[in-house]
Structures are given as C-alpha cells and as structure tokens.
PDB file of N, CA and C in Angstrom:
ATOM      1  N   MET A   1      58.535  45.754 130.186  1.00  0.00           N
ATOM      2  CA  MET A   1      58.740  45.521 131.608  1.00  0.00           C
ATOM      3  C   MET A   1      59.588  46.665 132.158  1.00  0.00           C
ATOM      4  N   ASP A   2      59.174  47.207 133.267  1.00  0.00           N
ATOM      5  CA  ASP A   2      59.906  48.345 133.811  1.00  0.00           C
ATOM      6  C   ASP A   2      61.029  47.899 134.744  1.00  0.00           C
ATOM      7  N   ARG A   3      61.914  48.804 135.001  1.00  0.00           N
ATOM      8  CA  ARG A   3      63.123  48.530 135.795  1.00  0.00           C
ATOM      9  C   ARG A   3      62.781  47.978 137.180  1.00  0.00           C
ATOM     10  N   GLU A   4      61.786  48.574 137.844  1.00  0.00           N
ATOM     11  CA  GLU A   4      61.412  48.144 139.193  1.00  0.00           C
ATOM     12  C   GLU A   4      60.968  46.684 139.213  1.00  0.00           C
ATOM     13  N   LYS A   5      60.174  46.302 138.245  1.00  0.00           N
ATOM     14  CA  LYS A   5      59.678  44.933 138.178  1.00  0.00           C
ATOM     15  C   LYS A   5      60.820  43.952 137.883  1.00  0.00           C
ATOM     16  N   ILE A   6      61.730  44.340 137.011  1.00  0.00           N
ATOM     17  CA  ILE A   6      62.879  43.483 136.690  1.00  0.00           C
ATOM     18  C   ILE A   6      63.723  43.252 137.938  1.00  0.00           C
ATOM     19  N   LEU A   7      63.997  44.329 138.677  1.00  0.00           N
ATOM     20  CA  LEU A   7      64.785  44.200 139.906  1.00  0.00           C
ATOM     21  C   LEU A   7      64.075  43.321 140.923  1.00  0.00           C
ATOM     22  N   GLN A   8      62.774  43.504 141.056  1.00  0.00           N
ATOM     23  CA  GLN A   8      61.992  42.717 142.008  1.00  0.00           C
ATOM     24  C   GLN A   8      62.048  41.237 141.650  1.00  0.00           C
ATOM     25  N   GLU A   9      61.891  40.905 140.378  1.00  0.00           N
ATOM     26  CA  GLU A   9      61.934  39.511 139.943  1.00  0.00           C
ATOM     27  C   GLU A   9      63.314  38.893 140.136  1.00  0.00           C
ATOM     28  N   ALA A  10      64.353  39.717 140.057  1.00  0.00           N
ATOM     29  CA  ALA A  10      65.710  39.227 140.255  1.00  0.00           C
ATOM     30  C   ALA A  10      66.097  39.199 141.733  1.00  0.00           C
ATOM     31  N   GLY A  11      65.210  39.705 142.597  1.00  0.00           N
ATOM     32  CA  GLY A  11      65.499  39.729 144.027  1.00  0.00           C
ATOM     33  C   GLY A  11      66.526  40.778 144.404  1.00  0.00           C
ATOM     34  N   LEU A  12      66.570  41.867 143.639  1.00  0.00           N
ATOM     35  CA  LEU A  12      67.547  42.923 143.877  1.00  0.00           C
ATOM     36  C   LEU A  12      66.852  44.217 144.274  1.00  0.00           C
ATOM     37  N   ALA A  13      67.558  45.006 145.057  1.00  0.00           N
ATOM     38  CA  ALA A  13      67.083  46.349 145.399  1.00  0.00           C
ATOM     39  C   ALA A  13      67.795  47.353 144.505  1.00  0.00           C
ATOM     40  N   GLU A  14      67.211  48.532 144.362  1.00  0.00           N
ATOM     41  CA  GLU A  14      67.784  49.585 143.514  1.00  0.00           C
ATOM     42  C   GLU A  14      69.234  49.873 143.880  1.00  0.00           C
ATOM     43  N   GLU A  15      69.551  49.902 145.175  1.00  0.00           N
ATOM     44  CA  GLU A  15      70.912  50.217 145.603  1.00  0.00           C
ATOM     45  C   GLU A  15      71.906  49.091 145.335  1.00  0.00           C
ATOM     46  N   ASP A  16      71.402  47.897 144.973  1.00  0.00           N
ATOM     47  CA  ASP A  16      72.290  46.763 144.663  1.00  0.00           C
ATOM     48  C   ASP A  16      72.795  46.786 143.230  1.00  0.00           C
ATOM     49  N   VAL A  17      72.225  47.648 142.418  1.00  0.00           N
ATOM     50  CA  VAL A  17      72.519  47.640 140.989  1.00  0.00           C
ATOM     51  C   VAL A  17      73.180  48.957 140.579  1.00  0.00           C
ATOM     52  N   ALA A  18      74.338  48.842 139.968  1.00  0.00           N
ATOM     53  CA  ALA A  18      75.025  50.019 139.431  1.00  0.00           C
ATOM     54  C   ALA A  18      74.977  49.941 137.915  1.00  0.00           C
ATOM     55  N   ILE A  19      74.535  50.992 137.302  1.00  0.00           N
ATOM     56  CA  ILE A  19      74.442  51.015 135.847  1.00  0.00           C
ATOM     57  C   ILE A  19      75.361  52.112 135.335  1.00  0.00           C
ATOM     58  N   SER A  20      76.233  51.736 134.424  1.00  0.00           N
ATOM     59  CA  SER A  20      77.121  52.725 133.828  1.00  0.00           C
ATOM     60  C   SER A  20      76.710  52.948 132.380  1.00  0.00           C
ATOM     61  N   PRO A  21      76.974  54.129 131.856  1.00  0.00           N
ATOM     62  CA  PRO A  21      76.593  54.420 130.472  1.00  0.00           C
ATOM     63  C   PRO A  21      77.337  53.508 129.499  1.00  0.00           C
ATOM     64  N   TYR A  22      76.654  53.104 128.447  1.00  0.00           N
ATOM     65  CA  TYR A  22      77.251  52.253 127.418  1.00  0.00           C
ATOM     66  C   TYR A  22      78.080  53.103 126.474  1.00  0.00           C
ATOM     67  N   ASN A  23      79.290  52.660 126.218  1.00  0.00           N
ATOM     68  CA  ASN A  23      80.149  53.307 125.234  1.00  0.00           C
ATOM     69  C   ASN A  23      80.766  52.217 124.377  1.00  0.00           C
ATOM     70  N   PRO A  24      80.363  52.118 123.102  1.00  0.00           N
ATOM     71  CA  PRO A  24      80.875  51.038 122.255  1.00  0.00           C
ATOM     72  C   PRO A  24      82.395  51.057 122.125  1.00  0.00           C
ATOM     73  N   PHE A  25      83.013  52.220 122.310  1.00  0.00           N
ATOM     74  CA  PHE A  25      84.464  52.301 122.173  1.00  0.00           C
ATOM     75  C   PHE A  25      85.184  51.601 123.324  1.00  0.00           C
ATOM     76  N   ASP A  26      84.460  51.267 124.393  1.00  0.00           N
ATOM     77  CA  ASP A  26      85.049  50.475 125.467  1.00  0.00           C
ATOM     78  C   ASP A  26      85.308  49.042 125.007  1.00  0.00           C
ATOM     79  N   TYR A  27      84.674  48.635 123.921  1.00  0.00           N
ATOM     80  CA  TYR A  27      84.774  47.257 123.440  1.00  0.00           C
ATOM     81  C   TYR A  27      85.568  47.132 122.140  1.00  0.00           C
ATOM     82  N   LEU A  28      85.969  48.247 121.571  1.00  0.00           N
ATOM     83  CA  LEU A  28      86.781  48.234 120.359  1.00  0.00           C
ATOM     84  C   LEU A  28      88.241  48.330 120.772  1.00  0.00           C
ATOM     85  N   GLU A  29      89.041  47.356 120.362  1.00  0.00           N
ATOM     86  CA  GLU A  29      90.395  47.270 120.884  1.00  0.00           C
ATOM     87  C   GLU A  29      91.467  47.835 119.966  1.00  0.00           C
ATOM     88  N   THR A  30      91.255  47.776 118.677  1.00  0.00           N
ATOM     89  CA  THR A  30      92.301  48.223 117.758  1.00  0.00           C
ATOM     90  C   THR A  30      91.861  49.499 117.041  1.00  0.00           C
ATOM     91  N   GLN A  31      92.840  50.219 116.515  1.00  0.00           N
ATOM     92  CA  GLN A  31      92.532  51.426 115.753  1.00  0.00           C
ATOM     93  C   GLN A  31      91.709  51.072 114.519  1.00  0.00           C
ATOM     94  N   GLU A  32      91.961  49.912 113.936  1.00  0.00           N
ATOM     95  CA  GLU A  32      91.194  49.479 112.759  1.00  0.00           C
ATOM     96  C   GLU A  32      89.719  49.300 113.107  1.00  0.00           C
ATOM     97  N   GLU A  33      89.423  48.732 114.289  1.00  0.00           N
ATOM     98  CA  GLU A  33      88.031  48.564 114.715  1.00  0.00           C
ATOM     99  C   GLU A  33      87.366  49.917 114.933  1.00  0.00           C
ATOM    100  N   ILE A  34      88.102  50.839 115.541  1.00  0.00           N
ATOM    101  CA  ILE A  34      87.566  52.178 115.774  1.00  0.00           C
ATOM    102  C   ILE A  34      87.291  52.876 114.442  1.00  0.00           C
ATOM    103  N   ASP A  35      88.246  52.784 113.518  1.00  0.00           N
ATOM    104  CA  ASP A  35      88.079  53.407 112.200  1.00  0.00           C
ATOM    105  C   ASP A  35      86.876  52.829 111.466  1.00  0.00           C
ATOM    106  N   GLU A  36      86.709  51.503 111.533  1.00  0.00           N
ATOM    107  CA  GLU A  36      85.589  50.850 110.852  1.00  0.00           C
ATOM    108  C   GLU A  36      84.252  51.284 111.468  1.00  0.00           C
ATOM    109  N   TYR A  37      84.215  51.377 112.788  1.00  0.00           N
ATOM    110  CA  TYR A  37      83.001  51.820 113.464  1.00  0.00           C
ATOM    111  C   TYR A  37      82.621  53.233 113.025  1.00  0.00           C
ATOM    112  N   LEU A  38      83.599  54.134 113.036  1.00  0.00           N
ATOM    113  CA  LEU A  38      83.324  55.515 112.625  1.00  0.00           C
ATOM    114  C   LEU A  38      82.911  55.587 111.158  1.00  0.00           C
ATOM    115  N   GLN A  39      83.564  54.815 110.310  1.00  0.00           N
ATOM    116  CA  GLN A  39      83.222  54.800 108.879  1.00  0.00           C
ATOM    117  C   GLN A  39      81.786  54.325 108.678  1.00  0.00           C
ATOM    118  N   ASP A  40      81.415  53.247 109.379  1.00  0.00           N
ATOM    119  CA  ASP A  40      80.045  52.750 109.274  1.00  0.00           C
ATOM    120  C   ASP A  40      79.045  53.791 109.772  1.00  0.00           C
ATOM    121  N   ALA A  41      79.379  54.462 110.873  1.00  0.00           N
ATOM    122  CA  ALA A  41      78.492  55.500 111.404  1.00  0.00           C
ATOM    123  C   ALA A  41      78.367  56.658 110.413  1.00  0.00           C
ATOM    124  N   PHE A  42      79.486  57.033 109.795  1.00  0.00           N
ATOM    125  CA  PHE A  42      79.488  58.131 108.825  1.00  0.00           C
ATOM    126  C   PHE A  42      78.632  57.797 107.602  1.00  0.00           C
ATOM    127  N   MET A  43      78.634  56.533 107.204  1.00  0.00           N
ATOM    128  CA  MET A  43      77.893  56.116 106.008  1.00  0.00           C
ATOM    129  C   MET A  43      76.410  55.872 106.276  1.00  0.00           C
ATOM    130  N   ASP A  44      76.001  55.904 107.537  1.00  0.00           N
ATOM    131  CA  ASP A  44      74.597  55.685 107.872  1.00  0.00           C
ATOM    132  C   ASP A  44      73.738  56.795 107.271  1.00  0.00           C
ATOM    133  N   ASP A  45      72.531  56.447 106.878  1.00  0.00           N
ATOM    134  CA  ASP A  45      71.610  57.432 106.296  1.00  0.00           C
ATOM    135  C   ASP A  45      71.204  58.518 107.291  1.00  0.00           C
ATOM    136  N   ASN A  46      71.286  58.208 108.574  1.00  0.00           N
ATOM    137  CA  ASN A  46      70.924  59.173 109.615  1.00  0.00           C
ATOM    138  C   ASN A  46      72.204  59.852 110.109  1.00  0.00           C
ATOM    139  N   PRO A  47      72.398  61.139 109.843  1.00  0.00           N
ATOM    140  CA  PRO A  47      73.634  61.823 110.247  1.00  0.00           C
ATOM    141  C   PRO A  47      73.854  61.847 111.758  1.00  0.00           C
ATOM    142  N   GLU A  48      72.772  61.710 112.520  1.00  0.00           N
ATOM    143  CA  GLU A  48      72.896  61.712 113.976  1.00  0.00           C
ATOM    144  C   GLU A  48      73.721  60.514 114.470  1.00  0.00           C
ATOM    145  N   VAL A  49      73.712  59.422 113.725  1.00  0.00           N
ATOM    146  CA  VAL A  49      74.484  58.235 114.109  1.00  0.00           C
ATOM    147  C   VAL A  49      75.972  58.578 114.170  1.00  0.00           C
ATOM    148  N   PHE A  50      76.459  59.337 113.195  1.00  0.00           N
ATOM    149  CA  PHE A  50      77.869  59.735 113.180  1.00  0.00           C
ATOM    150  C   PHE A  50      78.184  60.717 114.307  1.00  0.00           C
ATOM    151  N   ILE A  51      77.298  61.663 114.544  1.00  0.00           N
ATOM    152  CA  ILE A  51      77.505  62.657 115.599  1.00  0.00           C
ATOM    153  C   ILE A  51      77.602  61.956 116.954  1.00  0.00           C
ATOM    154  N   VAL A  52      76.690  61.026 117.222  1.00  0.00           N
ATOM    155  CA  VAL A  52      76.706  60.297 118.496  1.00  0.00           C
ATOM    156  C   VAL A  52      77.965  59.435 118.593  1.00  0.00           C
ATOM    157  N   ALA A  53      78.386  58.821 117.485  1.00  0.00           N
ATOM    158  CA  ALA A  53      79.623  58.029 117.484  1.00  0.00           C
ATOM    159  C   ALA A  53      80.826  58.906 117.828  1.00  0.00           C
ATOM    160  N   LEU A  54      80.878  60.111 117.279  1.00  0.00           N
ATOM    161  CA  LEU A  54      81.952  61.048 117.634  1.00  0.00           C
ATOM    162  C   LEU A  54      81.914  61.356 119.132  1.00  0.00           C
ATOM    163  N   GLY A  55      80.716  61.503 119.662  1.00  0.00           N
ATOM    164  CA  GLY A  55      80.563  61.770 121.094  1.00  0.00           C
ATOM    165  C   GLY A  55      81.090  60.624 121.940  1.00  0.00           C
ATOM    166  N   TYR A  56      80.780  59.390 121.536  1.00  0.00           N
ATOM    167  CA  TYR A  56      81.295  58.217 122.259  1.00  0.00           C
ATOM    168  C   TYR A  56      82.820  58.198 122.247  1.00  0.00           C
ATOM    169  N   LEU A  57      83.403  58.466 121.082  1.00  0.00           N
ATOM    170  CA  LEU A  57      84.861  58.445 120.982  1.00  0.00           C
ATOM    171  C   LEU A  57      85.478  59.588 121.774  1.00  0.00           C
ATOM    172  N   ALA A  58      84.848  60.753 121.753  1.00  0.00           N
ATOM    173  CA  ALA A  58      85.351  61.892 122.525  1.00  0.00           C
ATOM    174  C   ALA A  58      85.322  61.578 124.019  1.00  0.00           C
ATOM    175  N   ARG A  59      84.268  60.912 124.486  1.00  0.00           N
ATOM    176  CA  ARG A  59      84.201  60.513 125.899  1.00  0.00           C
ATOM    177  C   ARG A  59      85.316  59.530 126.229  1.00  0.00           C
ATOM    178  N   LYS A  60      85.554  58.605 125.327  1.00  0.00           N
ATOM    179  CA  LYS A  60      86.603  57.607 125.542  1.00  0.00           C
ATOM    180  C   LYS A  60      87.982  58.279 125.618  1.00  0.00           C
ATOM    181  N   ARG A  61      88.214  59.257 124.771  1.00  0.00           N
ATOM    182  CA  ARG A  61      89.516  59.938 124.725  1.00  0.00           C
ATOM    183  C   ARG A  61      89.646  61.032 125.787  1.00  0.00           C
ATOM    184  N   GLY A  62      88.507  61.440 126.348  1.00  0.00           N
ATOM    185  CA  GLY A  62      88.512  62.501 127.358  1.00  0.00           C
ATOM    186  C   GLY A  62      87.863  63.756 126.815  1.00  0.00           C
ATOM    187  N   MET A  63      86.613  63.980 127.200  1.00  0.00           N
ATOM    188  CA  MET A  63      85.844  65.100 126.653  1.00  0.00           C
ATOM    189  C   MET A  63      86.497  66.442 126.961  1.00  0.00           C
ATOM    190  N   SER A  64      87.088  66.592 128.142  1.00  0.00           N
ATOM    191  CA  SER A  64      87.733  67.864 128.487  1.00  0.00           C
ATOM    192  C   SER A  64      88.895  68.152 127.551  1.00  0.00           C
ATOM    193  N   LYS A  65      89.689  67.127 127.272  1.00  0.00           N
ATOM    194  CA  LYS A  65      90.844  67.284 126.375  1.00  0.00           C
ATOM    195  C   LYS A  65      90.374  67.643 124.964  1.00  0.00           C
ATOM    196  N   VAL A  66      89.365  66.927 124.474  1.00  0.00           N
ATOM    197  CA  VAL A  66      88.844  67.189 123.128  1.00  0.00           C
ATOM    198  C   VAL A  66      88.257  68.590 123.060  1.00  0.00           C
ATOM    199  N   ALA A  67      87.499  68.973 124.073  1.00  0.00           N
ATOM    200  CA  ALA A  67      86.896  70.312 124.091  1.00  0.00           C
ATOM    201  C   ALA A  67      87.969  71.386 124.051  1.00  0.00           C
ATOM    202  N   ARG A  68      89.038  71.175 124.787  1.00  0.00           N
ATOM    203  CA  ARG A  68      90.146  72.146 124.793  1.00  0.00           C
ATOM    204  C   ARG A  68      90.760  72.260 123.399  1.00  0.00           C
ATOM    205  N   LEU A  69      90.966  71.121 122.731  1.00  0.00           N
ATOM    206  CA  LEU A  69      91.539  71.125 121.385  1.00  0.00           C
ATOM    207  C   LEU A  69      90.614  71.800 120.372  1.00  0.00           C
ATOM    208  N   VAL A  70      89.310  71.623 120.576  1.00  0.00           N
ATOM    209  CA  VAL A  70      88.318  72.194 119.660  1.00  0.00           C
ATOM    210  C   VAL A  70      88.097  73.680 119.946  1.00  0.00           C
ATOM    211  N   GLY A  71      88.308  74.091 121.196  1.00  0.00           N
ATOM    212  CA  GLY A  71      88.120  75.489 121.553  1.00  0.00           C
ATOM    213  C   GLY A  71      86.726  75.813 122.043  1.00  0.00           C
ATOM    214  N   VAL A  72      86.055  74.821 122.643  1.00  0.00           N
ATOM    215  CA  VAL A  72      84.732  75.031 123.227  1.00  0.00           C
ATOM    216  C   VAL A  72      84.753  74.486 124.651  1.00  0.00           C
ATOM    217  N   ASN A  73      83.710  74.800 125.423  1.00  0.00           N
ATOM    218  CA  ASN A  73      83.676  74.239 126.774  1.00  0.00           C
ATOM    219  C   ASN A  73      83.121  72.815 126.732  1.00  0.00           C
ATOM    220  N   ARG A  74      83.477  72.060 127.741  1.00  0.00           N
ATOM    221  CA  ARG A  74      83.139  70.635 127.795  1.00  0.00           C
ATOM    222  C   ARG A  74      81.633  70.397 127.758  1.00  0.00           C
ATOM    223  N   GLU A  75      80.878  71.163 128.527  1.00  0.00           N
ATOM    224  CA  GLU A  75      79.427  70.974 128.590  1.00  0.00           C
ATOM    225  C   GLU A  75      78.778  71.188 127.221  1.00  0.00           C
ATOM    226  N   SER A  76      79.229  72.215 126.527  1.00  0.00           N
ATOM    227  CA  SER A  76      78.698  72.506 125.195  1.00  0.00           C
ATOM    228  C   SER A  76      79.001  71.355 124.232  1.00  0.00           C
ATOM    229  N   LEU A  77      80.204  70.822 124.331  1.00  0.00           N
ATOM    230  CA  LEU A  77      80.575  69.717 123.448  1.00  0.00           C
ATOM    231  C   LEU A  77      79.774  68.466 123.769  1.00  0.00           C
ATOM    232  N   TYR A  78      79.546  68.185 125.046  1.00  0.00           N
ATOM    233  CA  TYR A  78      78.687  67.058 125.441  1.00  0.00           C
ATOM    234  C   TYR A  78      77.321  67.179 124.784  1.00  0.00           C
ATOM    235  N   ARG A  79      76.722  68.364 124.884  1.00  0.00           N
ATOM    236  CA  ARG A  79      75.390  68.576 124.304  1.00  0.00           C
ATOM    237  C   ARG A  79      75.412  68.411 122.789  1.00  0.00           C
ATOM    238  N   SER A  80      76.415  68.982 122.154  1.00  0.00           N
ATOM    239  CA  SER A  80      76.495  68.922 120.688  1.00  0.00           C
ATOM    240  C   SER A  80      76.636  67.500 120.174  1.00  0.00           C
ATOM    241  N   LEU A  81      77.377  66.669 120.919  1.00  0.00           N
ATOM    242  CA  LEU A  81      77.676  65.320 120.439  1.00  0.00           C
ATOM    243  C   LEU A  81      76.802  64.253 121.071  1.00  0.00           C
ATOM    244  N   SER A  82      75.679  64.652 121.631  1.00  0.00           N
ATOM    245  CA  SER A  82      74.731  63.711 122.218  1.00  0.00           C
ATOM    246  C   SER A  82      73.566  63.515 121.274  1.00  0.00           C
ATOM    247  N   GLU A  83      72.765  62.513 121.555  1.00  0.00           N
ATOM    248  CA  GLU A  83      71.570  62.273 120.755  1.00  0.00           C
ATOM    249  C   GLU A  83      70.716  63.529 120.776  1.00  0.00           C
ATOM    250  N   GLY A  84      70.334  63.982 119.619  1.00  0.00           N
ATOM    251  CA  GLY A  84      69.556  65.208 119.504  1.00  0.00           C
ATOM    252  C   GLY A  84      70.409  66.454 119.377  1.00  0.00           C
ATOM    253  N   GLY A  85      71.728  66.292 119.540  1.00  0.00           N
ATOM    254  CA  GLY A  85      72.637  67.429 119.381  1.00  0.00           C
ATOM    255  C   GLY A  85      72.692  67.846 117.918  1.00  0.00           C
ATOM    256  N   ASN A  86      73.069  69.074 117.687  1.00  0.00           N
ATOM    257  CA  ASN A  86      73.093  69.578 116.321  1.00  0.00           C
ATOM    258  C   ASN A  86      74.326  70.464 116.123  1.00  0.00           C
ATOM    259  N   PRO A  87      75.529  69.838 116.144  1.00  0.00           N
ATOM    260  CA  PRO A  87      76.738  70.656 115.997  1.00  0.00           C
ATOM    261  C   PRO A  87      76.869  71.200 114.581  1.00  0.00           C
ATOM    262  N   GLY A  88      77.504  72.335 114.474  1.00  0.00           N
ATOM    263  CA  GLY A  88      77.777  72.904 113.155  1.00  0.00           C
ATOM    264  C   GLY A  88      78.882  72.127 112.457  1.00  0.00           C
ATOM    265  N   TYR A  89      78.998  72.351 111.170  1.00  0.00           N
ATOM    266  CA  TYR A  89      80.010  71.660 110.371  1.00  0.00           C
ATOM    267  C   TYR A  89      81.418  71.913 110.906  1.00  0.00           C
ATOM    268  N   ALA A  90      81.704  73.160 111.278  1.00  0.00           N
ATOM    269  CA  ALA A  90      83.037  73.501 111.780  1.00  0.00           C
ATOM    270  C   ALA A  90      83.353  72.711 113.048  1.00  0.00           C
ATOM    271  N   THR A  91      82.369  72.540 113.923  1.00  0.00           N
ATOM    272  CA  THR A  91      82.583  71.760 115.145  1.00  0.00           C
ATOM    273  C   THR A  91      82.865  70.305 114.814  1.00  0.00           C
ATOM    274  N   VAL A  92      82.102  69.739 113.883  1.00  0.00           N
ATOM    275  CA  VAL A  92      82.312  68.341 113.491  1.00  0.00           C
ATOM    276  C   VAL A  92      83.725  68.152 112.938  1.00  0.00           C
ATOM    277  N   VAL A  93      84.159  69.052 112.087  1.00  0.00           N
ATOM    278  CA  VAL A  93      85.506  68.961 111.507  1.00  0.00           C
ATOM    279  C   VAL A  93      86.563  69.069 112.601  1.00  0.00           C
ATOM    280  N   LYS A  94      86.412  70.032 113.501  1.00  0.00           N
ATOM    281  CA  LYS A  94      87.395  70.216 114.572  1.00  0.00           C
ATOM    282  C   LYS A  94      87.442  69.009 115.506  1.00  0.00           C
ATOM    283  N   VAL A  95      86.276  68.469 115.849  1.00  0.00           N
ATOM    284  CA  VAL A  95      86.237  67.285 116.722  1.00  0.00           C
ATOM    285  C   VAL A  95      86.890  66.109 116.019  1.00  0.00           C
ATOM    286  N   THR A  96      86.554  65.916 114.760  1.00  0.00           N
ATOM    287  CA  THR A  96      87.129  64.815 113.998  1.00  0.00           C
ATOM    288  C   THR A  96      88.651  64.912 113.977  1.00  0.00           C
ATOM    289  N   ARG A  97      89.163  66.097 113.729  1.00  0.00           N
ATOM    290  CA  ARG A  97      90.623  66.295 113.722  1.00  0.00           C
ATOM    291  C   ARG A  97      91.223  66.092 115.104  1.00  0.00           C
ATOM    292  N   ALA A  98      90.544  66.579 116.146  1.00  0.00           N
ATOM    293  CA  ALA A  98      91.042  66.417 117.518  1.00  0.00           C
ATOM    294  C   ALA A  98      91.116  64.939 117.905  1.00  0.00           C
ATOM    295  N   LEU A  99      90.276  64.124 117.267  1.00  0.00           N
ATOM    296  CA  LEU A  99      90.263  62.691 117.545  1.00  0.00           C
ATOM    297  C   LEU A  99      91.224  61.920 116.644  1.00  0.00           C
ATOM    298  N   GLY A 100      91.990  62.656 115.845  1.00  0.00           N
ATOM    299  CA  GLY A 100      92.988  62.013 114.997  1.00  0.00           C
ATOM    300  C   GLY A 100      92.437  61.440 113.717  1.00  0.00           C
ATOM    301  N   CYS A 101      91.294  61.941 113.281  1.00  0.00           N
ATOM    302  CA  CYS A 101      90.661  61.463 112.054  1.00  0.00           C
ATOM    303  C   CYS A 101      90.482  62.629 111.095  1.00  0.00           C
ATOM    304  N   ARG A 102      90.020  62.329 109.901  1.00  0.00           N
ATOM    305  CA  ARG A 102      89.667  63.384 108.958  1.00  0.00           C
ATOM    306  C   ARG A 102      88.508  62.910 108.112  1.00  0.00           C
ATOM    307  N   LEU A 103      87.732  63.857 107.683  1.00  0.00           N
ATOM    308  CA  LEU A 103      86.594  63.558 106.811  1.00  0.00           C
ATOM    309  C   LEU A 103      87.058  63.636 105.372  1.00  0.00           C
ATOM    310  N   THR A 104      86.605  62.701 104.557  1.00  0.00           N
ATOM    311  CA  THR A 104      86.941  62.729 103.149  1.00  0.00           C
ATOM    312  C   THR A 104      85.672  62.549 102.315  1.00  0.00           C
ATOM    313  N   VAL A 105      85.740  62.975 101.082  1.00  0.00           N
ATOM    314  CA  VAL A 105      84.617  62.832 100.162  1.00  0.00           C
ATOM    315  C   VAL A 105      85.092  61.965  98.997  1.00  0.00           C
ATOM    316  N   GLU A 106      84.244  61.027  98.610  1.00  0.00           N
ATOM    317  CA  GLU A 106      84.567  60.209  97.442  1.00  0.00           C
ATOM    318  C   GLU A 106      83.315  60.046  96.589  1.00  0.00           C
ATOM    319  N   ARG A 107      83.534  59.817  95.335  1.00  0.00           N
ATOM    320  CA  ARG A 107      82.411  59.665  94.409  1.00  0.00           C
ATOM    321  C   ARG A 107      81.651  58.378  94.749  1.00  0.00           C
ATOM    322  N   GLN A 108      80.332  58.489  94.770  1.00  0.00           N
ATOM    323  CA  GLN A 108      79.487  57.340  95.046  1.00  0.00           C
ATOM    324  C   GLN A 108      79.388  56.485  93.796  1.00  0.00           C
ATOM    325  N   THR A 109      79.559  55.202  93.952  1.00  0.00           N
ATOM    326  CA  THR A 109      79.404  54.308  92.807  1.00  0.00           C
ATOM    327  C   THR A 109      77.935  54.138  92.511  1.00  0.00           C
ATOM    328  N   GLU A 110      77.606  53.971  91.238  1.00  0.00           N
ATOM    329  CA  GLU A 110      76.210  53.822  90.859  1.00  0.00           C
ATOM    330  C   GLU A 110      75.702  52.454  91.278  1.00  0.00           C
ATOM    331  N   ALA A 111      74.447  52.430  91.737  1.00  0.00           N
ATOM    332  CA  ALA A 111      73.841  51.175  92.203  1.00  0.00           C
ATOM    333  C   ALA A 111      73.329  50.345  91.059  1.00  0.00           C
TER     334      ALA A 111
END
C-alpha cells in the first residue's frame, strides 16, 4: 500500500503528516543499552549493520561534533555512515573513538 492511499484512508492530507527519520538511539536510555545495541550490530554477519548503527549514534551525539573529532567534513561522514556507505577502517576506528567506544578482538568460541 502506498503512502497516498494510506493517508487517504486515514482522512489525512500530505501537509497534515510530519515524518521524522527513525533513530533507534532516541529510544535507548542507558549507556548499557547503547553498548548492547552497538555490540549486537558489530556481531551481525552484515558489516553494514554496524556502520549504519555508528551513523545513528553519531547523529544522536551530533554529526558536526563527531566529524570535527574525526577530521572530516560532516557531509562526507553522513555519506560514509549511511546505508550503502563504505568507510575505510581508519574512519570506523576514529568514529568509534569519537563516540567514546573502542573496537576489540576476541577469539571466537567453537560452535
């Protein structure tokens, strides 16, 4: 079902509806919840899940501030940390550190 049909069925006009971008970090209240979310994203088989999660957290903390700490411009960082973005390893490490986190490696337990 498309957006126009949904609005029509609800008796709403396009100008009556404001849609804001979803950011899961708006709903995580404690540092433990944020850490768990990032850890789960990092452990996902798709590396893009972690990159997008970093982008959500950077937006929550202030993309301009994070970009300044990383040493890149804000627009470039937005693109890198969006779906389909492909930041280099150095950028991921710098963003992670700017967000107060660090990446660690541990031995995988055998299944």
